[in-house]
């Protein structure tokens, strides 16, 4: 699969991110495992390996510049996206990957074991009932169809000054308005190499206990 590795490397470089042979090998092995498990456990609707590169791997890595360097929680990680590609990119940064689906978390655990990802903790739980020992500097998700439920579920898990990173496709001004005026929100278009679909990153600063809040930029 040298062609696949070349596509991964070209895409990661186009995102302006560091590559390296160890990262490339782990990203490719992640996709190999996903394709293999998917045949038996239906982890993702995407079957084509080339689409897995763009729609899962590169799409996940596109948010790396906004991740910060603290503890990260991936809510509704499914079979590990965006958390696993980001954890491979940032091996010194701690990640918790959360999902209530047992077969998907079993896959994540197997990836963690086979790839030796010592910075990843898979957790099977619903976000509403999850009580971590310490809060997170960033909470990311591709799983929520609407922003308001994500904010409600994720802000209690964020540290003071922590941020939510919501990955979205099409984004309307109405969806942002639903968040109200008490949150600081920024929406950014994401450019994912090889992916023609519209993608956005919505950055939400969770309020401190007494802070006033405001909303920033309009939808791109």
N, C-alpha and C. Protein backbone atom coordinates (compact mmCIF):
# COMPACT_ATOMS: atom_id res chain seq x y z
N UNK A 1 0.84 -1.21 0.00
CA UNK A 1 0.00 0.00 0.00
C UNK A 1 0.87 1.26 0.00
N UNK A 2 1.94 1.23 -0.80
CA UNK A 2 2.83 2.38 -0.84
C UNK A 2 2.10 3.62 -1.35
N UNK A 3 1.15 3.41 -2.29
CA UNK A 3 0.38 4.54 -2.79
C UNK A 3 -0.44 5.19 -1.70
N UNK A 4 -1.00 4.37 -0.83
CA UNK A 4 -1.77 4.92 0.28
C UNK A 4 -0.86 5.73 1.21
N UNK A 5 0.30 5.20 1.51
CA UNK A 5 1.22 5.93 2.38
C UNK A 5 1.61 7.27 1.75
N UNK A 6 1.82 7.27 0.45
CA UNK A 6 2.15 8.52 -0.24
C UNK A 6 1.00 9.52 -0.15
N UNK A 7 -0.25 9.02 -0.26
CA UNK A 7 -1.41 9.91 -0.15
C UNK A 7 -1.52 10.48 1.26
N UNK A 8 -1.25 9.64 2.25
CA UNK A 8 -1.28 10.12 3.64
C UNK A 8 -0.21 11.19 3.84
N UNK A 9 1.01 10.91 3.40
CA UNK A 9 2.10 11.86 3.59
C UNK A 9 1.81 13.18 2.88
N UNK A 10 1.32 13.10 1.64
CA UNK A 10 1.03 14.32 0.89
C UNK A 10 -0.08 15.12 1.58
N UNK A 11 -1.10 14.44 2.08
CA UNK A 11 -2.19 15.13 2.75
C UNK A 11 -1.76 15.78 4.04
N UNK A 12 -0.96 15.08 4.83
CA UNK A 12 -0.49 15.64 6.10
C UNK A 12 0.41 16.84 5.84
N UNK A 13 1.27 16.74 4.85
CA UNK A 13 2.13 17.88 4.51
C UNK A 13 1.30 19.07 4.02
N UNK A 14 0.24 18.79 3.27
CA UNK A 14 -0.62 19.87 2.79
C UNK A 14 -1.31 20.58 3.95
N UNK A 15 -1.53 19.86 5.05
CA UNK A 15 -2.10 20.47 6.25
C UNK A 15 -1.06 21.24 7.06
N UNK A 16 0.20 21.14 6.65
CA UNK A 16 1.27 21.84 7.36
C UNK A 16 1.68 21.18 8.65
N UNK A 17 1.48 19.86 8.75
CA UNK A 17 1.77 19.12 9.97
C UNK A 17 3.02 18.26 9.79
N UNK A 18 3.71 17.95 10.90
CA UNK A 18 4.90 17.09 10.80
C UNK A 18 4.53 15.66 10.45
N UNK A 19 5.41 14.99 9.74
CA UNK A 19 5.12 13.63 9.29
C UNK A 19 5.99 12.64 10.05
N UNK A 20 7.08 12.18 9.48
CA UNK A 20 7.96 11.22 10.13
C UNK A 20 7.52 9.79 9.86
N UNK A 21 8.49 8.88 9.75
CA UNK A 21 8.20 7.50 9.38
C UNK A 21 7.34 6.79 10.42
N UNK A 22 7.59 7.04 11.71
CA UNK A 22 6.81 6.35 12.74
C UNK A 22 5.35 6.76 12.69
N UNK A 23 5.10 8.05 12.52
CA UNK A 23 3.71 8.50 12.40
C UNK A 23 3.05 7.91 11.16
N UNK A 24 3.75 7.95 10.03
CA UNK A 24 3.18 7.42 8.80
C UNK A 24 2.81 5.95 8.95
N UNK A 25 3.71 5.18 9.56
CA UNK A 25 3.44 3.75 9.74
C UNK A 25 2.22 3.55 10.64
N UNK A 26 2.12 4.32 11.71
CA UNK A 26 0.98 4.16 12.62
C UNK A 26 -0.33 4.59 11.97
N UNK A 27 -0.32 5.70 11.23
CA UNK A 27 -1.55 6.12 10.55
C UNK A 27 -2.00 5.06 9.54
N UNK A 28 -1.05 4.50 8.80
CA UNK A 28 -1.43 3.49 7.82
C UNK A 28 -1.93 2.22 8.50
N UNK A 29 -1.29 1.80 9.58
CA UNK A 29 -1.74 0.62 10.31
C UNK A 29 -3.12 0.85 10.91
N UNK A 30 -3.38 2.07 11.36
CA UNK A 30 -4.71 2.40 11.88
C UNK A 30 -5.77 2.16 10.79
N UNK A 31 -5.52 2.63 9.59
CA UNK A 31 -6.49 2.44 8.51
C UNK A 31 -6.60 0.97 8.11
N UNK A 32 -5.49 0.24 8.14
CA UNK A 32 -5.54 -1.19 7.85
C UNK A 32 -6.41 -1.92 8.87
N UNK A 33 -6.25 -1.59 10.13
CA UNK A 33 -7.06 -2.21 11.18
C UNK A 33 -8.54 -1.82 11.04
N UNK A 34 -8.79 -0.56 10.72
CA UNK A 34 -10.16 -0.11 10.55
C UNK A 34 -10.84 -0.87 9.41
N UNK A 35 -10.16 -1.02 8.30
CA UNK A 35 -10.73 -1.74 7.16
C UNK A 35 -10.99 -3.21 7.52
N UNK A 36 -10.06 -3.81 8.24
CA UNK A 36 -10.21 -5.23 8.60
C UNK A 36 -11.37 -5.43 9.58
N UNK A 37 -11.41 -4.63 10.63
CA UNK A 37 -12.49 -4.75 11.61
C UNK A 37 -13.83 -4.36 11.01
N UNK A 38 -13.81 -3.44 10.08
CA UNK A 38 -15.06 -2.95 9.51
C UNK A 38 -15.82 -4.04 8.76
N UNK A 39 -15.08 -4.97 8.19
CA UNK A 39 -15.73 -6.06 7.47
C UNK A 39 -16.57 -6.92 8.40
N UNK A 40 -16.17 -7.04 9.64
CA UNK A 40 -16.89 -7.89 10.60
C UNK A 40 -17.83 -7.11 11.51
N UNK A 41 -17.47 -5.88 11.85
CA UNK A 41 -18.20 -5.16 12.89
C UNK A 41 -18.88 -3.88 12.43
N UNK A 42 -18.76 -3.53 11.15
CA UNK A 42 -19.47 -2.37 10.61
C UNK A 42 -19.23 -1.11 11.46
N UNK A 43 -17.96 -0.75 11.61
CA UNK A 43 -17.59 0.40 12.44
C UNK A 43 -17.85 1.73 11.75
N UNK A 44 -17.81 1.74 10.43
CA UNK A 44 -18.00 2.98 9.66
C UNK A 44 -18.66 2.65 8.34
N UNK A 45 -19.46 3.58 7.83
CA UNK A 45 -20.10 3.37 6.54
C UNK A 45 -19.12 3.48 5.39
N UNK A 46 -17.96 4.06 5.63
CA UNK A 46 -16.95 4.22 4.58
C UNK A 46 -16.18 2.92 4.43
N UNK A 47 -16.21 2.36 3.23
CA UNK A 47 -15.51 1.10 2.94
C UNK A 47 -14.23 1.31 2.13
N UNK A 48 -14.22 2.34 1.31
CA UNK A 48 -13.11 2.59 0.40
C UNK A 48 -11.91 3.14 1.17
N UNK A 49 -10.74 2.54 0.97
CA UNK A 49 -9.55 2.94 1.72
C UNK A 49 -9.13 4.37 1.38
N UNK A 50 -9.26 4.75 0.12
CA UNK A 50 -8.89 6.12 -0.25
C UNK A 50 -9.79 7.13 0.47
N UNK A 51 -11.07 6.82 0.61
CA UNK A 51 -11.97 7.69 1.34
C UNK A 51 -11.67 7.68 2.84
N UNK A 52 -11.20 6.56 3.35
CA UNK A 52 -10.79 6.54 4.76
C UNK A 52 -9.65 7.52 5.02
N UNK A 53 -8.75 7.64 4.05
CA UNK A 53 -7.63 8.59 4.19
C UNK A 53 -8.17 10.01 4.31
N UNK A 54 -9.08 10.39 3.41
CA UNK A 54 -9.56 11.77 3.40
C UNK A 54 -10.62 12.02 4.47
N UNK A 55 -11.65 11.15 4.51
CA UNK A 55 -12.82 11.41 5.34
C UNK A 55 -12.58 11.14 6.83
N UNK A 56 -11.65 10.26 7.14
CA UNK A 56 -11.37 9.95 8.55
C UNK A 56 -10.02 10.51 9.00
N UNK A 57 -8.95 10.12 8.32
CA UNK A 57 -7.61 10.48 8.80
C UNK A 57 -7.32 11.97 8.63
N UNK A 58 -7.35 12.45 7.40
CA UNK A 58 -7.00 13.85 7.17
C UNK A 58 -8.03 14.80 7.76
N UNK A 59 -9.30 14.43 7.72
CA UNK A 59 -10.34 15.24 8.33
C UNK A 59 -10.07 15.41 9.82
N UNK A 60 -9.66 14.34 10.48
CA UNK A 60 -9.34 14.41 11.91
C UNK A 60 -8.14 15.32 12.17
N UNK A 61 -7.10 15.18 11.36
CA UNK A 61 -5.87 15.94 11.57
C UNK A 61 -6.03 17.42 11.27
N UNK A 62 -7.08 17.78 10.51
CA UNK A 62 -7.25 19.17 10.11
C UNK A 62 -7.45 20.11 11.29
N UNK A 63 -7.88 19.59 12.46
CA UNK A 63 -8.12 20.47 13.61
C UNK A 63 -6.89 20.60 14.52
N UNK A 64 -5.80 19.94 14.16
CA UNK A 64 -4.62 19.92 15.03
C UNK A 64 -4.11 21.31 15.42
N UNK A 65 -4.09 22.30 14.53
CA UNK A 65 -3.56 23.61 14.92
C UNK A 65 -4.33 24.28 16.06
N UNK A 66 -5.56 23.87 16.31
CA UNK A 66 -6.39 24.50 17.34
C UNK A 66 -6.52 23.64 18.60
N UNK A 67 -5.74 22.57 18.67
CA UNK A 67 -5.92 21.59 19.74
C UNK A 67 -5.35 22.05 21.07
N UNK A 68 -4.34 22.93 21.06
CA UNK A 68 -3.64 23.25 22.30
C UNK A 68 -2.72 22.11 22.69
N UNK A 69 -2.16 22.18 23.90
CA UNK A 69 -1.22 21.14 24.32
C UNK A 69 -1.60 20.48 25.64
N UNK A 70 -2.83 20.64 26.10
CA UNK A 70 -3.26 20.04 27.36
C UNK A 70 -4.01 18.73 27.14
N UNK A 71 -4.75 18.32 28.17
CA UNK A 71 -5.53 17.09 28.11
C UNK A 71 -6.70 17.24 27.15
N UNK A 72 -6.92 16.19 26.33
CA UNK A 72 -7.96 16.23 25.30
C UNK A 72 -8.95 15.10 25.53
N UNK A 73 -10.24 15.43 25.44
CA UNK A 73 -11.31 14.43 25.46
C UNK A 73 -11.98 14.41 24.10
N UNK A 74 -12.09 13.23 23.50
CA UNK A 74 -12.82 13.04 22.24
C UNK A 74 -14.15 12.39 22.59
N UNK A 75 -15.24 13.17 22.48
CA UNK A 75 -16.58 12.71 22.87
C UNK A 75 -17.26 12.07 21.66
N UNK A 76 -17.78 10.86 21.85
CA UNK A 76 -18.40 10.15 20.74
C UNK A 76 -17.38 9.77 19.69
N UNK A 77 -16.27 9.24 20.14
CA UNK A 77 -15.14 8.97 19.25
C UNK A 77 -15.44 7.92 18.19
N UNK A 78 -16.47 7.07 18.41
CA UNK A 78 -16.73 5.99 17.45
C UNK A 78 -15.53 5.07 17.38
N UNK A 79 -15.05 4.76 16.18
CA UNK A 79 -13.85 3.93 16.06
C UNK A 79 -12.55 4.74 16.18
N UNK A 80 -12.62 5.86 16.93
CA UNK A 80 -11.38 6.56 17.25
C UNK A 80 -11.06 7.82 16.48
N UNK A 81 -12.08 8.48 15.96
CA UNK A 81 -11.82 9.69 15.16
C UNK A 81 -12.60 10.87 15.72
N UNK A 82 -11.93 11.97 15.92
CA UNK A 82 -10.57 12.34 15.48
C UNK A 82 -9.45 11.93 16.43
N UNK A 83 -9.77 11.30 17.57
CA UNK A 83 -8.78 11.13 18.63
C UNK A 83 -7.54 10.33 18.26
N UNK A 84 -7.70 9.18 17.59
CA UNK A 84 -6.53 8.35 17.30
C UNK A 84 -5.54 9.02 16.35
N UNK A 85 -5.97 9.58 15.21
CA UNK A 85 -4.98 10.26 14.37
C UNK A 85 -4.27 11.40 15.09
N UNK A 86 -5.01 12.15 15.93
CA UNK A 86 -4.39 13.26 16.66
C UNK A 86 -3.43 12.76 17.72
N UNK A 87 -3.77 11.65 18.38
CA UNK A 87 -2.86 11.10 19.39
C UNK A 87 -1.58 10.57 18.77
N UNK A 88 -1.67 10.03 17.55
CA UNK A 88 -0.46 9.60 16.84
C UNK A 88 0.38 10.81 16.48
N UNK A 89 -0.26 11.89 16.08
CA UNK A 89 0.46 13.13 15.76
C UNK A 89 1.13 13.72 16.99
N UNK A 90 0.47 13.64 18.15
CA UNK A 90 0.95 14.27 19.38
C UNK A 90 1.20 13.21 20.46
N UNK A 91 2.26 12.42 20.35
CA UNK A 91 2.47 11.29 21.26
C UNK A 91 2.73 11.69 22.71
N UNK A 92 3.07 12.95 22.97
CA UNK A 92 3.32 13.39 24.35
C UNK A 92 2.07 14.00 24.98
N UNK A 93 0.98 14.10 24.24
CA UNK A 93 -0.23 14.77 24.73
C UNK A 93 -1.25 13.71 25.14
N UNK A 94 -1.87 13.84 26.32
CA UNK A 94 -2.83 12.83 26.78
C UNK A 94 -4.21 12.99 26.15
N UNK A 95 -4.77 11.87 25.72
CA UNK A 95 -6.09 11.82 25.11
C UNK A 95 -6.96 10.79 25.82
N UNK A 96 -8.22 11.15 26.04
CA UNK A 96 -9.24 10.19 26.47
C UNK A 96 -10.26 10.09 25.35
N UNK A 97 -10.53 8.86 24.89
CA UNK A 97 -11.48 8.62 23.80
C UNK A 97 -12.72 7.96 24.38
N UNK A 98 -13.85 8.65 24.29
CA UNK A 98 -15.08 8.27 24.99
C UNK A 98 -16.16 7.88 23.99
N UNK A 99 -16.78 6.72 24.23
CA UNK A 99 -17.93 6.31 23.42
C UNK A 99 -18.71 5.26 24.21
N UNK A 100 -20.03 5.22 23.98
CA UNK A 100 -20.86 4.26 24.69
C UNK A 100 -20.97 2.93 23.94
N UNK A 101 -20.50 2.88 22.69
CA UNK A 101 -20.62 1.69 21.87
C UNK A 101 -19.48 0.72 22.18
N UNK A 102 -19.84 -0.46 22.68
CA UNK A 102 -18.82 -1.40 23.13
C UNK A 102 -17.90 -1.89 22.03
N UNK A 103 -18.44 -2.22 20.85
CA UNK A 103 -17.58 -2.77 19.79
C UNK A 103 -16.61 -1.72 19.27
N UNK A 104 -17.04 -0.45 19.26
CA UNK A 104 -16.15 0.60 18.78
C UNK A 104 -15.03 0.88 19.79
N UNK A 105 -15.35 0.85 21.08
CA UNK A 105 -14.31 1.04 22.09
C UNK A 105 -13.37 -0.17 22.12
N UNK A 106 -13.88 -1.37 21.86
CA UNK A 106 -12.99 -2.54 21.77
C UNK A 106 -12.00 -2.37 20.63
N UNK A 107 -12.47 -1.82 19.53
CA UNK A 107 -11.55 -1.53 18.41
C UNK A 107 -10.50 -0.52 18.83
N UNK A 108 -10.93 0.56 19.48
CA UNK A 108 -9.97 1.58 19.92
C UNK A 108 -8.94 0.97 20.86
N UNK A 109 -9.39 0.12 21.78
CA UNK A 109 -8.44 -0.53 22.71
C UNK A 109 -7.44 -1.39 21.95
N UNK A 110 -7.91 -2.09 20.92
CA UNK A 110 -7.00 -2.93 20.15
C UNK A 110 -5.97 -2.10 19.40
N UNK A 111 -6.41 -0.97 18.83
CA UNK A 111 -5.48 -0.07 18.16
C UNK A 111 -4.43 0.45 19.14
N UNK A 112 -4.89 0.88 20.30
CA UNK A 112 -3.98 1.39 21.33
C UNK A 112 -2.93 0.34 21.68
N UNK A 113 -3.37 -0.92 21.83
CA UNK A 113 -2.44 -2.00 22.20
C UNK A 113 -1.47 -2.30 21.07
N UNK A 114 -1.99 -2.44 19.84
CA UNK A 114 -1.13 -2.85 18.73
C UNK A 114 -0.16 -1.75 18.30
N UNK A 115 -0.60 -0.50 18.40
CA UNK A 115 0.26 0.60 17.97
C UNK A 115 1.09 1.18 19.11
N UNK A 116 0.87 0.69 20.33
CA UNK A 116 1.64 1.17 21.47
C UNK A 116 1.38 2.63 21.79
N UNK A 117 0.12 3.03 21.77
CA UNK A 117 -0.23 4.43 22.03
C UNK A 117 -0.41 4.64 23.53
N UNK A 118 0.66 4.97 24.19
CA UNK A 118 0.64 5.11 25.64
C UNK A 118 -0.05 6.38 26.11
N UNK A 119 -0.37 7.28 25.19
CA UNK A 119 -1.01 8.55 25.55
C UNK A 119 -2.53 8.51 25.36
N UNK A 120 -3.11 7.33 25.10
CA UNK A 120 -4.54 7.21 24.83
C UNK A 120 -5.20 6.32 25.88
N UNK A 121 -6.32 6.83 26.43
CA UNK A 121 -7.15 6.04 27.35
C UNK A 121 -8.55 5.89 26.75
N UNK A 122 -8.92 4.69 26.30
CA UNK A 122 -10.28 4.48 25.81
C UNK A 122 -11.24 4.27 26.99
N UNK A 123 -12.42 4.88 26.91
CA UNK A 123 -13.41 4.77 27.97
C UNK A 123 -14.77 4.48 27.34
N UNK A 124 -15.43 3.41 27.82
CA UNK A 124 -16.79 3.14 27.37
C UNK A 124 -17.77 3.73 28.37
N UNK A 125 -18.46 4.79 27.96
CA UNK A 125 -19.42 5.47 28.82
C UNK A 125 -20.21 6.46 27.99
N UNK A 126 -21.40 6.80 28.47
CA UNK A 126 -22.15 7.89 27.88
C UNK A 126 -21.61 9.20 28.44
N UNK A 127 -21.56 10.22 27.61
CA UNK A 127 -20.97 11.49 28.04
C UNK A 127 -21.74 12.07 29.22
N UNK A 128 -23.07 11.86 29.25
CA UNK A 128 -23.88 12.43 30.32
C UNK A 128 -23.52 11.87 31.68
N UNK A 129 -23.02 10.64 31.72
CA UNK A 129 -22.69 10.02 33.00
C UNK A 129 -21.21 9.95 33.28
N UNK A 130 -20.38 10.49 32.39
CA UNK A 130 -18.93 10.39 32.55
C UNK A 130 -18.44 11.41 33.56
N UNK A 131 -17.68 10.94 34.54
CA UNK A 131 -17.12 11.81 35.58
C UNK A 131 -15.61 11.58 35.66
N UNK A 132 -14.84 12.36 34.90
CA UNK A 132 -13.39 12.15 34.89
C UNK A 132 -12.75 12.62 36.19
N UNK A 133 -11.58 12.08 36.53
CA UNK A 133 -10.89 12.52 37.74
C UNK A 133 -10.39 13.95 37.67
N UNK A 134 -10.17 14.45 36.46
CA UNK A 134 -9.78 15.84 36.28
C UNK A 134 -10.34 16.34 34.95
N UNK A 135 -10.59 17.65 34.84
CA UNK A 135 -11.21 18.18 33.62
C UNK A 135 -10.21 18.25 32.47
N UNK A 136 -10.74 18.65 31.31
CA UNK A 136 -9.96 18.63 30.07
C UNK A 136 -9.75 20.05 29.55
N UNK A 137 -8.59 20.25 28.94
CA UNK A 137 -8.29 21.55 28.33
C UNK A 137 -9.01 21.73 27.01
N UNK A 138 -9.27 20.62 26.32
CA UNK A 138 -10.00 20.67 25.06
C UNK A 138 -10.92 19.47 24.98
N UNK A 139 -12.15 19.70 24.53
CA UNK A 139 -13.11 18.63 24.29
C UNK A 139 -13.49 18.70 22.82
N UNK A 140 -13.22 17.62 22.08
CA UNK A 140 -13.47 17.61 20.64
C UNK A 140 -14.55 16.60 20.30
N UNK A 141 -15.20 16.80 19.17
CA UNK A 141 -16.20 15.83 18.73
C UNK A 141 -16.55 16.01 17.27
N UNK A 142 -16.76 14.86 16.60
CA UNK A 142 -17.38 14.85 15.28
C UNK A 142 -18.78 14.25 15.35
N UNK A 143 -19.22 13.87 16.56
CA UNK A 143 -20.40 13.02 16.70
C UNK A 143 -21.71 13.77 16.83
N UNK A 144 -21.70 15.02 17.27
CA UNK A 144 -22.95 15.72 17.57
C UNK A 144 -23.50 16.40 16.32
N UNK A 145 -24.79 16.14 16.04
CA UNK A 145 -25.42 16.76 14.88
C UNK A 145 -25.77 18.21 15.14
N UNK A 146 -25.94 18.60 16.40
CA UNK A 146 -26.28 19.97 16.76
C UNK A 146 -25.31 20.48 17.82
N UNK A 147 -25.06 21.78 17.79
CA UNK A 147 -24.08 22.36 18.71
C UNK A 147 -24.59 22.46 20.13
N UNK A 148 -25.86 22.83 20.31
CA UNK A 148 -26.37 23.07 21.66
C UNK A 148 -26.25 21.84 22.57
N UNK A 149 -26.63 20.64 22.13
CA UNK A 149 -26.44 19.47 23.00
C UNK A 149 -24.97 19.18 23.31
N UNK A 150 -24.10 19.46 22.36
CA UNK A 150 -22.66 19.27 22.60
C UNK A 150 -22.18 20.20 23.71
N UNK A 151 -22.57 21.45 23.64
CA UNK A 151 -22.17 22.41 24.67
C UNK A 151 -22.69 21.97 26.04
N UNK A 152 -23.94 21.55 26.08
CA UNK A 152 -24.54 21.15 27.34
C UNK A 152 -23.82 19.96 27.96
N UNK A 153 -23.42 19.01 27.11
CA UNK A 153 -22.76 17.80 27.61
C UNK A 153 -21.29 18.01 27.89
N UNK A 154 -20.63 18.85 27.10
CA UNK A 154 -19.17 18.92 27.14
C UNK A 154 -18.62 19.99 28.06
N UNK A 155 -19.30 21.12 28.20
CA UNK A 155 -18.74 22.18 29.03
C UNK A 155 -18.49 21.75 30.48
N UNK A 156 -19.35 20.92 31.09
CA UNK A 156 -19.05 20.47 32.45
C UNK A 156 -17.77 19.63 32.56
N UNK A 157 -17.27 19.12 31.45
CA UNK A 157 -16.06 18.30 31.46
C UNK A 157 -14.81 19.11 31.15
N UNK A 158 -14.98 20.38 30.81
CA UNK A 158 -13.85 21.23 30.44
C UNK A 158 -13.31 21.97 31.66
N UNK A 159 -12.01 22.18 31.66
CA UNK A 159 -11.35 22.95 32.71
C UNK A 159 -11.71 24.42 32.57
N UNK A 160 -11.53 25.20 33.63
CA UNK A 160 -11.73 26.66 33.49
C UNK A 160 -10.87 27.20 32.34
N UNK A 161 -11.49 27.92 31.45
CA UNK A 161 -10.79 28.40 30.27
C UNK A 161 -10.66 27.37 29.17
N UNK A 162 -11.24 26.17 29.39
CA UNK A 162 -11.18 25.12 28.37
C UNK A 162 -12.04 25.44 27.18
N UNK A 163 -11.76 24.74 26.07
CA UNK A 163 -12.47 25.02 24.82
C UNK A 163 -13.09 23.75 24.27
N UNK A 164 -14.21 23.92 23.60
CA UNK A 164 -14.85 22.85 22.84
C UNK A 164 -14.52 23.04 21.36
N UNK A 165 -14.18 21.95 20.70
CA UNK A 165 -13.89 21.97 19.27
C UNK A 165 -14.88 21.04 18.58
N UNK A 166 -15.87 21.63 17.95
CA UNK A 166 -16.92 20.86 17.28
C UNK A 166 -16.66 20.83 15.78
N UNK A 167 -16.54 19.63 15.23
CA UNK A 167 -16.31 19.47 13.80
C UNK A 167 -17.66 19.30 13.12
N UNK A 168 -17.91 20.15 12.13
CA UNK A 168 -19.20 20.19 11.48
C UNK A 168 -19.04 20.21 9.96
N UNK A 169 -20.12 19.83 9.28
CA UNK A 169 -20.16 19.99 7.84
C UNK A 169 -20.72 21.37 7.51
N UNK A 170 -21.88 21.38 6.91
CA UNK A 170 -22.56 22.66 6.68
C UNK A 170 -22.94 23.28 8.02
N UNK A 171 -22.87 24.60 8.08
CA UNK A 171 -23.13 25.30 9.32
C UNK A 171 -23.96 26.54 9.02
N UNK A 172 -25.05 26.70 9.75
CA UNK A 172 -25.93 27.84 9.54
C UNK A 172 -25.80 28.83 10.68
N UNK A 173 -26.10 30.07 10.40
CA UNK A 173 -26.10 31.10 11.44
C UNK A 173 -27.14 30.77 12.50
N UNK A 174 -28.25 30.14 12.09
CA UNK A 174 -29.29 29.80 13.05
C UNK A 174 -28.78 28.84 14.12
N UNK A 175 -27.93 27.90 13.72
CA UNK A 175 -27.40 26.94 14.70
C UNK A 175 -26.52 27.65 15.73
N UNK A 176 -25.77 28.65 15.30
CA UNK A 176 -24.96 29.41 16.23
C UNK A 176 -25.83 30.29 17.13
N UNK A 177 -26.88 30.86 16.56
CA UNK A 177 -27.77 31.71 17.35
C UNK A 177 -28.41 30.92 18.48
N UNK A 178 -28.68 29.63 18.23
CA UNK A 178 -29.30 28.79 19.26
C UNK A 178 -28.43 28.67 20.51
N UNK A 179 -27.14 28.93 20.39
CA UNK A 179 -26.26 28.85 21.56
C UNK A 179 -26.47 30.01 22.52
N UNK A 180 -27.13 31.07 22.07
CA UNK A 180 -27.36 32.22 22.92
C UNK A 180 -26.19 33.19 22.88
N UNK A 181 -26.28 34.22 23.71
CA UNK A 181 -25.29 35.30 23.72
C UNK A 181 -24.24 35.16 24.81
N UNK A 182 -24.31 34.08 25.58
CA UNK A 182 -23.43 33.99 26.75
C UNK A 182 -22.21 33.10 26.50
N UNK A 183 -21.93 32.78 25.25
CA UNK A 183 -20.76 31.98 24.91
C UNK A 183 -19.93 32.71 23.86
N UNK A 184 -18.63 32.56 23.97
CA UNK A 184 -17.73 33.07 22.94
C UNK A 184 -17.51 31.97 21.91
N UNK A 185 -17.92 32.23 20.68
CA UNK A 185 -17.92 31.21 19.63
C UNK A 185 -17.19 31.75 18.40
N UNK A 186 -16.36 30.90 17.82
CA UNK A 186 -15.67 31.24 16.58
C UNK A 186 -15.87 30.09 15.59
N UNK A 187 -16.24 30.39 14.37
CA UNK A 187 -16.41 29.35 13.35
C UNK A 187 -15.38 29.56 12.25
N UNK A 188 -14.73 28.47 11.86
CA UNK A 188 -13.66 28.53 10.87
C UNK A 188 -13.90 27.48 9.79
N UNK A 189 -13.68 27.83 8.53
CA UNK A 189 -13.74 26.80 7.48
C UNK A 189 -12.49 25.93 7.56
N UNK A 190 -12.68 24.63 7.38
CA UNK A 190 -11.56 23.69 7.35
C UNK A 190 -11.29 23.27 5.91
N UNK A 191 -10.02 23.24 5.54
CA UNK A 191 -9.63 22.76 4.22
C UNK A 191 -8.97 21.40 4.40
N UNK A 192 -9.67 20.36 3.98
CA UNK A 192 -9.16 19.00 4.11
C UNK A 192 -8.67 18.53 2.74
N UNK A 193 -7.38 18.22 2.59
CA UNK A 193 -6.86 17.80 1.29
C UNK A 193 -7.63 16.60 0.73
N UNK A 194 -8.09 16.73 -0.51
CA UNK A 194 -8.78 15.64 -1.17
C UNK A 194 -10.25 15.51 -0.83
N UNK A 195 -10.76 16.36 0.05
CA UNK A 195 -12.16 16.28 0.47
C UNK A 195 -12.90 17.52 -0.04
N UNK A 196 -13.87 17.31 -0.93
CA UNK A 196 -14.59 18.42 -1.52
C UNK A 196 -15.73 18.91 -0.63
N UNK A 197 -16.16 18.09 0.32
CA UNK A 197 -17.30 18.45 1.16
C UNK A 197 -16.98 19.65 2.05
N UNK A 198 -18.01 20.41 2.35
CA UNK A 198 -17.86 21.57 3.21
C UNK A 198 -17.59 21.13 4.65
N UNK A 199 -16.58 21.71 5.27
CA UNK A 199 -16.22 21.35 6.66
C UNK A 199 -15.97 22.63 7.44
N UNK A 200 -16.37 22.61 8.71
CA UNK A 200 -16.15 23.74 9.60
C UNK A 200 -15.65 23.23 10.95
N UNK A 201 -14.91 24.09 11.63
CA UNK A 201 -14.57 23.89 13.03
C UNK A 201 -15.20 25.02 13.82
N UNK A 202 -15.99 24.65 14.82
CA UNK A 202 -16.59 25.64 15.71
C UNK A 202 -15.88 25.55 17.06
N UNK A 203 -15.27 26.66 17.46
CA UNK A 203 -14.52 26.75 18.71
C UNK A 203 -15.37 27.50 19.72
N UNK A 204 -15.64 26.85 20.84
CA UNK A 204 -16.51 27.42 21.87
C UNK A 204 -15.75 27.48 23.17
N UNK A 205 -15.65 28.65 23.73
CA UNK A 205 -14.98 28.81 25.02
C UNK A 205 -16.02 28.64 26.12
N UNK A 206 -15.83 27.62 26.94
CA UNK A 206 -16.74 27.40 28.05
C UNK A 206 -16.56 28.51 29.07
N UNK A 207 -17.65 29.05 29.59
CA UNK A 207 -17.53 30.18 30.51
C UNK A 207 -16.98 29.76 31.86
N UNK A 208 -16.24 30.66 32.49
CA UNK A 208 -15.88 30.45 33.88
C UNK A 208 -17.11 30.70 34.73
N UNK A 209 -17.01 30.44 36.01
CA UNK A 209 -18.19 30.52 36.87
C UNK A 209 -18.81 31.91 36.89
N UNK A 210 -17.96 32.95 36.71
CA UNK A 210 -18.49 34.30 36.84
C UNK A 210 -18.25 35.18 35.62
N UNK A 211 -17.68 34.57 34.55
CA UNK A 211 -17.28 35.39 33.41
C UNK A 211 -18.47 35.78 32.56
N UNK A 212 -18.42 37.00 32.03
CA UNK A 212 -19.35 37.37 30.99
C UNK A 212 -18.90 36.74 29.69
N UNK A 213 -19.81 36.60 28.73
CA UNK A 213 -19.48 35.86 27.52
C UNK A 213 -19.99 36.62 26.32
N UNK A 214 -19.36 36.35 25.17
CA UNK A 214 -19.80 37.03 23.96
C UNK A 214 -19.56 36.11 22.78
N UNK A 215 -20.20 36.41 21.67
CA UNK A 215 -20.05 35.63 20.47
C UNK A 215 -19.26 36.40 19.44
N UNK A 216 -18.28 35.72 18.83
CA UNK A 216 -17.37 36.40 17.92
C UNK A 216 -17.81 36.35 16.47
N UNK A 217 -17.14 35.52 15.69
CA UNK A 217 -17.20 35.65 14.23
C UNK A 217 -18.46 35.04 13.65
N UNK A 218 -18.90 35.55 12.49
CA UNK A 218 -20.03 34.95 11.80
C UNK A 218 -19.59 33.67 11.10
N UNK A 219 -20.56 32.95 10.59
CA UNK A 219 -20.26 31.73 9.85
C UNK A 219 -19.46 32.08 8.60
N UNK A 220 -18.40 31.29 8.36
CA UNK A 220 -17.59 31.53 7.16
C UNK A 220 -18.33 31.06 5.93
